[in-house]
C-alpha atoms as a PDB file:
ATOM      1  CA  MET A   1       0.045   0.028   0.088  1.00  0.00           C
ATOM      2  CA  PHE A   2       1.138   3.536  -0.802  1.00  0.00           C
ATOM      3  CA  ASP A   3       0.973   6.215   1.898  1.00  0.00           C
ATOM      4  CA  GLY A   4      -1.057   8.917   0.397  1.00  0.00           C
ATOM      5  CA  ALA A   5       0.773  11.583   2.352  1.00  0.00           C
ATOM      6  CA  THR A   6       3.975  10.765   0.469  1.00  0.00           C
ATOM      7  CA  LEU A   7       2.868   9.150  -2.749  1.00  0.00           C
ATOM      8  CA  VAL A   8       4.228  10.803  -5.831  1.00  0.00           C
ATOM      9  CA  TYR A   9       3.299  10.031  -9.592  1.00  0.00           C
ATOM     10  CA  LYS A  10       5.722  10.138 -12.266  1.00  0.00           C
ATOM     11  CA  TYR A  11       4.844  10.259 -16.001  1.00  0.00           C
ATOM     12  CA  ASP A  12       6.144  10.590 -19.424  1.00  0.00           C
ATOM     13  CA  GLY A  13       5.618  14.247 -19.857  1.00  0.00           C
ATOM     14  CA  SER A  14       2.813  14.166 -22.428  1.00  0.00           C
ATOM     15  CA  PHE A  15      -0.818  15.605 -21.952  1.00  0.00           C
ATOM     16  CA  GLU A  16      -2.094  11.991 -22.412  1.00  0.00           C
ATOM     17  CA  GLY A  17       0.420  10.759 -19.743  1.00  0.00           C
ATOM     18  CA  LEU A  18      -1.168  13.263 -17.338  1.00  0.00           C
ATOM     19  CA  MET A  19      -4.606  12.329 -18.169  1.00  0.00           C
ATOM     20  CA  CYS A  20      -3.789   8.778 -17.237  1.00  0.00           C
ATOM     21  CA  CYS A  21      -2.378  10.012 -13.918  1.00  0.00           C
ATOM     22  CA  VAL A  22      -6.040  11.352 -13.123  1.00  0.00           C
ATOM     23  CA  PHE A  23      -7.264   7.936 -14.215  1.00  0.00           C
ATOM     24  CA  ALA A  24      -4.987   6.087 -11.907  1.00  0.00           C
ATOM     25  CA  SER A  25      -5.828   8.290  -9.048  1.00  0.00           C
ATOM     26  CA  TYR A  26      -9.535   7.348  -9.380  1.00  0.00           C
ATOM     27  CA  GLU A  27      -8.853   3.699 -10.313  1.00  0.00           C
ATOM     28  CA  HIS A  28      -6.569   3.075  -7.146  1.00  0.00           C
ATOM     29  CA  LYS A  29      -8.428   5.564  -4.802  1.00  0.00           C
ATOM     30  CA  GLU A  30      -5.370   7.563  -4.088  1.00  0.00           C
ATOM     31  CA  ILE A  31      -4.277  11.224  -4.332  1.00  0.00           C
ATOM     32  CA  PRO A  32      -0.577  11.774  -5.007  1.00  0.00           C
ATOM     33  CA  LEU A  33       1.267  14.421  -3.283  1.00  0.00           C
ATOM     34  CA  ASP A  34       2.814  15.503  -6.579  1.00  0.00           C
ATOM     35  CA  ILE A  35       2.968  14.568 -10.233  1.00  0.00           C
ATOM     36  CA  LEU A  36       6.437  14.728 -11.813  1.00  0.00           C
ATOM     37  CA  PRO A  37       7.588  14.814 -15.406  1.00  0.00           C
ATOM     38  CA  PRO A  38      10.453  12.823 -16.373  1.00  0.00           C
ATOM     39  CA  GLU A  39      13.227  15.276 -15.209  1.00  0.00           C
ATOM     40  CA  GLY A  40      11.437  15.598 -12.065  1.00  0.00           C
ATOM     41  CA  GLN A  41      13.076  14.591  -8.921  1.00  0.00           C
ATOM     42  CA  PRO A  42      11.048  13.149  -5.912  1.00  0.00           C
ATOM     43  CA  GLY A  43      11.805  14.125  -2.391  1.00  0.00           C
ATOM     44  CA  LEU A  44      13.956  11.900  -0.046  1.00  0.00           C
ATOM     45  CA  PHE A  45      10.944  10.237   1.567  1.00  0.00           C
ATOM     46  CA  ASP A  46       8.615  10.344  -1.257  1.00  0.00           C
ATOM     47  CA  ILE A  47       7.176   7.039  -2.627  1.00  0.00           C
ATOM     48  CA  LEU A  48       7.378   7.123  -6.366  1.00  0.00           C
ATOM     49  CA  LYS A  49       4.936   5.300  -8.618  1.00  0.00           C
ATOM     50  CA  SER A  50       5.433   5.369 -12.348  1.00  0.00           C
ATOM     51  CA  ILE A  51       2.343   5.809 -14.459  1.00  0.00           C
ATOM     52  CA  GLU A  52       2.161   4.222 -17.832  1.00  0.00           C
ATOM     53  CA  THR A  53       0.673   6.202 -20.796  1.00  0.00           C
ATOM     54  CA  ASP A  54      -2.497   4.421 -22.243  1.00  0.00           C
ATOM     55  CA  ARG A  55      -4.201   6.478 -24.940  1.00  0.00           C
ATOM     56  CA  GLN A  56      -7.716   4.904 -24.392  1.00  0.00           C
ATOM     57  CA  LYS A  57      -7.582   5.797 -20.624  1.00  0.00           C
ATOM     58  CA  ALA A  58      -6.290   9.176 -21.515  1.00  0.00           C
ATOM     59  CA  GLN A  59      -9.264   9.778 -23.989  1.00  0.00           C
ATOM     60  CA  ARG A  60     -11.819   8.632 -21.517  1.00  0.00           C
ATOM     61  CA  VAL A  61     -10.598  11.134 -18.939  1.00  0.00           C
ATOM     62  CA  TYR A  62     -10.278  13.945 -21.550  1.00  0.00           C
ATOM     63  CA  ASP A  63     -13.890  13.148 -22.944  1.00  0.00           C
ATOM     64  CA  SER A  64     -15.259  13.113 -19.441  1.00  0.00           C
ATOM     65  CA  ILE A  65     -14.333  16.720 -18.785  1.00  0.00           C
ATOM     66  CA  PRO A  66     -16.952  18.563 -20.801  1.00  0.00           C
ATOM     67  CA  VAL A  67     -19.699  16.075 -19.787  1.00  0.00           C
ATOM     68  CA  ARG A  68     -18.908  16.253 -15.896  1.00  0.00           C
ATOM     69  CA  ILE A  69     -17.597  19.779 -15.869  1.00  0.00           C
ATOM     70  CA  SER A  70     -17.887  21.932 -19.024  1.00  0.00           C
ATOM     71  CA  LEU A  71     -16.309  22.630 -22.271  1.00  0.00           C
ATOM     72  CA  GLU A  72     -14.482  25.777 -20.751  1.00  0.00           C
ATOM     73  CA  ALA A  73     -12.963  23.523 -18.209  1.00  0.00           C
ATOM     74  CA  GLN A  74     -11.549  20.967 -21.005  1.00  0.00           C
ATOM     75  CA  GLU A  75     -10.181  24.078 -22.951  1.00  0.00           C
ATOM     76  CA  LEU A  76      -8.514  25.360 -19.629  1.00  0.00           C
ATOM     77  CA  VAL A  77      -6.937  22.018 -18.906  1.00  0.00           C
ATOM     78  CA  LYS A  78      -5.528  21.618 -22.286  1.00  0.00           C
ATOM     79  CA  LEU A  79      -4.040  25.228 -22.205  1.00  0.00           C
ATOM     80  CA  GLY A  80      -2.834  24.900 -18.719  1.00  0.00           C
ATOM     81  CA  PHE A  81      -0.574  21.829 -19.781  1.00  0.00           C
ATOM     82  CA  LEU A  82       1.154  24.378 -22.166  1.00  0.00           C
ATOM     83  CA  THR A  83       1.954  26.889 -19.493  1.00  0.00           C
ATOM     84  CA  CYS A  84       5.453  27.108 -17.597  1.00  0.00           C
ATOM     85  CA  THR A  85       3.745  27.492 -14.085  1.00  0.00           C
ATOM     86  CA  PRO A  86       5.490  25.293 -11.440  1.00  0.00           C
ATOM     87  CA  GLN A  87       3.785  22.181 -10.634  1.00  0.00           C
ATOM     88  CA  LYS A  88       1.381  22.643 -13.435  1.00  0.00           C
ATOM     89  CA  GLU A  89       0.445  18.958 -13.244  1.00  0.00           C
ATOM     90  CA  ARG A  90      -0.659  19.091  -9.708  1.00  0.00           C
ATOM     91  CA  LEU A  91      -2.782  22.197 -10.475  1.00  0.00           C
ATOM     92  CA  ILE A  92      -4.617  20.454 -13.315  1.00  0.00           C
ATOM     93  CA  PHE A  93      -4.928  17.281 -11.153  1.00  0.00           C
ATOM     94  CA  LEU A  94      -6.520  19.069  -8.215  1.00  0.00           C
ATOM     95  CA  PHE A  95      -8.833  21.313 -10.588  1.00  0.00           C
ATOM     96  CA  LEU A  96     -10.226  18.360 -12.201  1.00  0.00           C
ATOM     97  CA  ARG A  97     -10.911  16.420  -8.947  1.00  0.00           C
ATOM     98  CA  LEU A  98     -12.675  19.628  -7.689  1.00  0.00           C
ATOM     99  CA  GLY A  99     -14.555  19.966 -10.918  1.00  0.00           C
ATOM    100  CA  TYR A 100     -15.785  16.320 -11.003  1.00  0.00           C
ATOM    101  CA  LYS A 101     -17.132  17.038  -7.598  1.00  0.00           C
ATOM    102  CA  LEU A 102     -18.773  20.362  -8.037  1.00  0.00           C
ATOM    103  CA  GLY A 103     -19.362  20.498 -11.832  1.00  0.00           C
ATOM    104  CA  GLY A 104     -19.143  23.808 -14.132  1.00  0.00           C
ATOM    105  CA  LYS A 105     -19.314  26.193 -11.173  1.00  0.00           C
ATOM    106  CA  VAL A 106     -15.539  25.406 -10.504  1.00  0.00           C
ATOM    107  CA  MET A 107     -14.647  27.703 -13.247  1.00  0.00           C
ATOM    108  CA  GLY A 108     -15.774  30.665 -11.100  1.00  0.00           C
ATOM    109  CA  MET A 109     -14.063  29.654  -7.935  1.00  0.00           C
ATOM    110  CA  LEU A 110     -11.345  32.061  -8.111  1.00  0.00           C
ATOM    111  CA  THR A 111     -10.872  32.098  -4.173  1.00  0.00           C
ATOM    112  CA  ASP A 112      -9.709  28.444  -4.409  1.00  0.00           C
ATOM    113  CA  ASP A 113      -5.868  28.841  -4.802  1.00  0.00           C
ATOM    114  CA  ASN A 114      -5.472  26.001  -7.304  1.00  0.00           C
ATOM    115  CA  VAL A 115      -8.217  27.291  -9.690  1.00  0.00           C
ATOM    116  CA  HIS A 116      -7.010  30.813  -9.441  1.00  0.00           C
ATOM    117  CA  ALA A 117      -3.256  29.756 -10.137  1.00  0.00           C
ATOM    118  CA  LEU A 118      -4.328  27.647 -13.046  1.00  0.00           C
ATOM    119  CA  GLN A 119      -6.479  30.360 -14.544  1.00  0.00           C
ATOM    120  CA  LYS A 120      -3.664  32.861 -13.965  1.00  0.00           C
ATOM    121  CA  ALA A 121      -1.032  30.691 -15.651  1.00  0.00           C
ATOM    122  CA  VAL A 122      -3.477  30.252 -18.789  1.00  0.00           C
ATOM    123  CA  ARG A 123      -3.992  33.988 -19.041  1.00  0.00           C
ATOM    124  CA  ASN A 124      -0.159  34.379 -19.022  1.00  0.00           C
ATOM    125  CA  LEU A 125       0.105  31.824 -21.768  1.00  0.00           C
ATOM    126  CA  THR A 126      -2.475  33.432 -24.083  1.00  0.00           C
ATOM    127  CA  TYR A 127      -1.033  36.872 -23.362  1.00  0.00           C
ATOM    128  CA  GLU A 128       2.452  35.775 -24.391  1.00  0.00           C
ATOM    129  CA  SER A 129       1.093  33.974 -27.567  1.00  0.00           C
ATOM    130  CA  HIS A 130      -0.797  37.108 -28.667  1.00  0.00           C
ATOM    131  CA  ARG A 131       2.459  39.083 -28.142  1.00  0.00           C
ATOM    132  CA  TYR A 132       4.404  36.745 -30.353  1.00  0.00           C
ATOM    133  CA  LYS A 133       1.863  37.022 -33.085  1.00  0.00           C
ATOM    134  CA  GLY A 134       3.331  40.491 -33.528  1.00  0.00           C
ATOM    135  CA  PHE A 135       6.774  39.921 -32.291  1.00  0.00           C
ATOM    136  CA  VAL A 136       7.920  37.031 -34.568  1.00  0.00           C
ATOM    137  CA  ARG A 137      10.516  37.912 -37.157  1.00  0.00           C
ATOM    138  CA  PHE A 138      10.932  35.828 -40.090  1.00  0.00           C
ATOM    139  CA  SER A 139      14.074  35.630 -42.124  1.00  0.00           C
ATOM    140  CA  VAL A 140      14.472  33.930 -45.695  1.00  0.00           C
ATOM    141  CA  TYR A 141      16.632  30.937 -45.945  1.00  0.00           C
ATOM    142  CA  ASN A 142      16.655  28.349 -48.798  1.00  0.00           C
ATOM    143  CA  GLU A 143      13.270  29.920 -49.960  1.00  0.00           C
ATOM    144  CA  ALA A 144      11.569  29.216 -46.644  1.00  0.00           C
ATOM    145  CA  LEU A 145      10.685  31.676 -43.750  1.00  0.00           C
ATOM    146  CA  VAL A 146      12.555  30.878 -40.544  1.00  0.00           C
ATOM    147  CA  ALA A 147      12.159  32.649 -37.159  1.00  0.00           C
ATOM    148  CA  VAL A 148      13.582  31.724 -33.693  1.00  0.00           C
ATOM    149  CA  ILE A 149      11.787  32.544 -30.402  1.00  0.00           C
ATOM    150  CA  GLU A 150      12.384  32.053 -26.812  1.00  0.00           C
ATOM    151  CA  PRO A 151       9.138  32.072 -24.973  1.00  0.00           C
ATOM    152  CA  GLU A 152       8.499  31.197 -21.296  1.00  0.00           C
ATOM    153  CA  ASN A 153       5.389  29.149 -22.104  1.00  0.00           C
ATOM    154  CA  PHE A 154       4.941  26.547 -24.954  1.00  0.00           C
ATOM    155  CA  VAL A 155       3.065  28.848 -27.429  1.00  0.00           C
ATOM    156  CA  LEU A 156       3.647  26.996 -30.714  1.00  0.00           C
ATOM    157  CA  PRO A 157       0.172  25.316 -30.737  1.00  0.00           C
ATOM    158  CA  LEU A 158      -1.393  28.710 -30.330  1.00  0.00           C
ATOM    159  CA  LEU A 159       0.736  30.281 -32.993  1.00  0.00           C
ATOM    160  CA  ALA A 160       0.045  27.460 -35.540  1.00  0.00           C
ATOM    161  CA  TYR A 161      -3.549  28.667 -36.778  1.00  0.00           C
ATOM    162  CA  HIS A 162      -2.479  32.376 -36.871  1.00  0.00           C
ATOM    163  CA  PHE A 163       0.761  31.929 -39.008  1.00  0.00           C
ATOM    164  CA  SER A 164      -0.699  29.136 -41.176  1.00  0.00           C
ATOM    165  CA  ASN A 165      -3.693  31.437 -42.171  1.00  0.00           C
ATOM    166  CA  ARG A 166      -1.386  34.357 -42.577  1.00  0.00           C
ATOM    167  CA  TYR A 167       1.136  32.475 -44.803  1.00  0.00           C
ATOM    168  CA  PRO A 168      -0.996  29.664 -46.427  1.00  0.00           C
ATOM    169  CA  ASN A 169       1.291  29.171 -49.437  1.00  0.00           C
ATOM    170  CA  GLU A 170       4.582  29.696 -47.742  1.00  0.00           C
ATOM    171  CA  VAL A 171       7.026  27.149 -46.251  1.00  0.00           C
ATOM    172  CA  PHE A 172       8.010  28.361 -42.805  1.00  0.00           C
ATOM    173  CA  MET A 173       9.451  27.174 -39.538  1.00  0.00           C
ATOM    174  CA  ILE A 174       9.237  28.732 -36.062  1.00  0.00           C
ATOM    175  CA  PHE A 175      11.935  27.359 -33.761  1.00  0.00           C
ATOM    176  CA  ASP A 176      11.091  27.440 -30.111  1.00  0.00           C
ATOM    177  CA  LYS A 177      14.723  27.557 -28.471  1.00  0.00           C
ATOM    178  CA  THR A 178      13.248  27.214 -25.020  1.00  0.00           C
ATOM    179  CA  HIS A 179      11.459  24.153 -25.544  1.00  0.00           C
ATOM    180  CA  LYS A 180      13.494  22.530 -28.178  1.00  0.00           C
ATOM    181  CA  ALA A 181      10.536  22.277 -30.687  1.00  0.00           C
ATOM    182  CA  ALA A 182       9.821  23.669 -34.253  1.00  0.00           C
ATOM    183  CA  LEU A 183       6.517  24.573 -35.806  1.00  0.00           C
ATOM    184  CA  ILE A 184       6.901  23.692 -39.568  1.00  0.00           C
ATOM    185  CA  HIS A 185       4.272  24.672 -42.241  1.00  0.00           C
ATOM    186  CA  GLN A 186       4.718  23.146 -45.479  1.00  0.00           C
ATOM    187  CA  ALA A 187       2.414  22.190 -48.525  1.00  0.00           C
ATOM    188  CA  GLY A 188      -0.594  23.197 -46.448  1.00  0.00           C
ATOM    189  CA  ARG A 189       0.368  20.904 -43.481  1.00  0.00           C
ATOM    190  CA  VAL A 190       1.396  21.864 -40.078  1.00  0.00           C
ATOM    191  CA  GLU A 191       3.365  19.965 -37.637  1.00  0.00           C
ATOM    192  CA  ILE A 192       5.202  20.570 -34.282  1.00  0.00           C
ATOM    193  CA  VAL A 193       8.395  18.423 -33.973  1.00  0.00           C
ATOM    194  CA  ASP A 194      11.058  18.004 -31.456  1.00  0.00           C
ATOM    195  CA  VAL A 195      14.434  19.654 -32.298  1.00  0.00           C
ATOM    196  CA  GLU A 196      17.226  19.157 -29.799  1.00  0.00           C
ATOM    197  CA  GLU A 197      19.491  21.824 -31.231  1.00  0.00           C
ATOM    198  CA  TRP A 198      19.080  24.375 -34.075  1.00  0.00           C
ATOM    199  CA  GLU A 199      20.883  27.645 -35.060  1.00  0.00           C
ATOM    200  CA  LEU A 200      20.114  29.981 -37.689  1.00  0.00           C
ATOM    201  CA  PRO A 201      22.685  29.950 -40.457  1.00  0.00           C
ATOM    202  CA  GLU A 202      24.465  33.426 -41.503  1.00  0.00           C
ATOM    203  CA  PRO A 203      22.084  35.496 -43.754  1.00  0.00           C
ATOM    204  CA  ASP A 204      22.841  35.899 -47.415  1.00  0.00           C
ATOM    205  CA  GLU A 205      23.359  39.357 -48.981  1.00  0.00           C
ATOM    206  CA  GLN A 206      19.707  39.621 -49.969  1.00  0.00           C
ATOM    207  CA  GLU A 207      18.424  38.722 -46.393  1.00  0.00           C
ATOM    208  CA  VAL A 208      20.861  41.323 -45.012  1.00  0.00           C
ATOM    209  CA  GLU A 209      19.439  43.897 -47.396  1.00  0.00           C
ATOM    210  CA  TYR A 210      15.780  43.118 -46.192  1.00  0.00           C
ATOM    211  CA  ARG A 211      16.896  43.568 -42.517  1.00  0.00           C
ATOM    212  CA  ARG A 212      18.499  46.876 -43.297  1.00  0.00           C
ATOM    213  CA  LEU A 213      15.394  48.056 -45.250  1.00  0.00           C
ATOM    214  CA  TRP A 214      13.304  46.969 -42.107  1.00  0.00           C
ATOM    215  CA  GLN A 215      15.586  48.791 -39.731  1.00  0.00           C
ATOM    216  CA  GLN A 216      15.508  51.987 -41.787  1.00  0.00           C
ATOM    217  CA  PHE A 217      11.763  51.764 -41.923  1.00  0.00           C
ATOM    218  CA  TYR A 218      11.550  51.300 -38.011  1.00  0.00           C
ATOM    219  CA  LYS A 219      13.780  54.290 -37.653  1.00  0.00           C
ATOM    220  CA  THR A 220      11.908  56.449 -40.124  1.00  0.00           C
ATOM    221  CA  ILE A 221       8.515  56.129 -38.602  1.00  0.00           C
ATOM    222  CA  ALA A 222       9.779  56.659 -35.010  1.00  0.00           C
ATOM    223  CA  ILE A 223       8.930  60.089 -33.535  1.00  0.00           C
ATOM    224  CA  GLU A 224      11.751  61.410 -31.636  1.00  0.00           C
ATOM    225  CA  SER A 225       9.866  63.626 -29.329  1.00  0.00           C
ATOM    226  CA  ARG A 226       7.481  60.856 -28.274  1.00  0.00           C
ATOM    227  CA  ASP A 227      10.394  58.359 -27.403  1.00  0.00           C
ATOM    228  CA  ASN A 228       9.310  56.715 -24.251  1.00  0.00           C
ATOM    229  CA  PRO A 229      11.650  53.753 -23.272  1.00  0.00           C
ATOM    230  CA  ARG A 230       9.612  52.612 -20.235  1.00  0.00           C
ATOM    231  CA  CYS A 231       6.289  52.532 -22.220  1.00  0.00           C
ATOM    232  CA  ARG A 232       7.973  50.408 -24.987  1.00  0.00           C
ATOM    233  CA  MET A 233       9.325  48.177 -22.425  1.00  0.00           C
ATOM    234  CA  ASN A 234       5.824  47.639 -21.076  1.00  0.00           C
ATOM    235  CA  PHE A 235       4.568  46.491 -24.547  1.00  0.00           C
ATOM    236  CA  MET A 236       7.734  45.101 -25.767  1.00  0.00           C
ATOM    237  CA  PRO A 237       9.857  43.560 -22.724  1.00  0.00           C
ATOM    238  CA  LYS A 238      13.390  43.240 -23.287  1.00  0.00           C
ATOM    239  CA  ARG A 239      13.442  39.535 -23.363  1.00  0.00           C
ATOM    240  CA  PHE A 240      11.730  39.791 -26.782  1.00  0.00           C
ATOM    241  CA  TRP A 241      14.375  42.132 -28.161  1.00  0.00           C
ATOM    242  CA  LYS A 242      17.021  39.391 -28.974  1.00  0.00           C
ATOM    243  CA  HIS A 243      15.034  37.950 -31.986  1.00  0.00           C
ATOM    244  CA  LEU A 244      13.768  41.414 -33.227  1.00  0.00           C
ATOM    245  CA  THR A 245      15.114  42.375 -36.615  1.00  0.00           C
ATOM    246  CA  GLU A 246      14.860  46.075 -35.687  1.00  0.00           C
ATOM    247  CA  PHE A 247      17.265  45.631 -32.888  1.00  0.00           C
ATOM    248  CA  TYR A 248      19.738  43.399 -34.849  1.00  0.00           C
ATOM    249  CA  PRO A 249      23.207  45.006 -35.378  1.00  0.00           C
ATOM    250  CA  GLU A 250      24.126  46.038 -38.824  1.00  0.00           C
ATOM    251  CA  GLN A 251      25.407  42.950 -40.650  1.00  0.00           C
ATOM    252  CA  LYS A 252      27.881  42.821 -43.768  1.00  0.00           C
ATOM    253  CA  VAL A 253      27.992  39.010 -44.551  1.00  0.00           C
ATOM    254  CA  LYS A 254      28.429  36.771 -47.736  1.00  0.00           C
ATOM    255  CA  ALA A 255      25.933  33.904 -48.482  1.00  0.00           C
ATOM    256  CA  HIS A 256      26.700  30.710 -46.460  1.00  0.00           C
ATOM    257  CA  PRO A 257      25.124  27.259 -47.439  1.00  0.00           C
ATOM    258  CA  ILE A 258      22.506  25.862 -45.159  1.00  0.00           C
ATOM    259  CA  PRO A 259      23.970  22.829 -43.212  1.00  0.00           C
ATOM    260  CA  GLY A 260      22.324  19.340 -44.303  1.00  0.00           C
ATOM    261  CA  GLU A 261      20.143  18.733 -41.087  1.00  0.00           C
ATOM    262  CA  GLN A 262      18.770  22.455 -40.996  1.00  0.00           C
ATOM    263  CA  ALA A 263      18.265  22.126 -44.924  1.00  0.00           C
ATOM    264  CA  ARG A 264      16.185  18.853 -44.285  1.00  0.00           C
ATOM    265  CA  LEU A 265      14.007  20.688 -41.693  1.00  0.00           C
ATOM    266  CA  LEU A 266      13.218  23.316 -44.235  1.00  0.00           C
ATOM    267  CA  GLY A 267      12.354  20.899 -46.905  1.00  0.00           C
ATOM    268  CA  GLY A 268      15.543  21.494 -48.977  1.00  0.00           C
ATOM    269  CA  SER A 269      18.102  19.050 -50.175  1.00  0.00           C
ATOM    270  CA  SER A 270      21.101  18.196 -47.917  1.00  0.00           C
END
């Protein structure tokens, strides 16, 4: 028997795996102290229990959310999993247990610490994804549009629809350096794939000229008398500046070929 006070679940890090943790909790009538991803470390006196991912069980849990709670709760759970909030697994787990008990009114229970924390995390996620819809800067490589971002939350799933509709006929890739993943759009198909390491190749002369023109446009439309650095940082925090073309230093480089693995990701020949 597990001691519920020290029991800790460990899962494979997938959304389906987390849903299986919820299933296991009800199946075995136990409430884990925490739910850890693969890289998580249990405490010295914790009893670790590994939960295997079973897609059928995961689907049963996921399908039960709108039936027993609400569609809004299902969306909250799905988005909550994409956030960077600490112990998001436990927040989602406790939210679902409360929701299964109380139904749809759980969505308005902001005095509950777990509900409040989960909703706050999702607001942060959606706000960050909204910012990236304006802050992504593409460069042209091998006839493909390529961008690099370093978000706090896993925003790629929320950006997929926006950029696929904006550039329906383009081949493009958005590389999330934080989460080692890339959103790839090609031939009308969108896919998010794991990419352990990827660096932008040096831009060719045409791309350097595009950047220079954009920087010149940015400077030209600026109104010096209305320059307000504090206000700009409120709407465009410094953590975004690293990948904004308007803040790049001037570049004078020659064309470089794209390495084989990078060319493959962009649909070119290696």
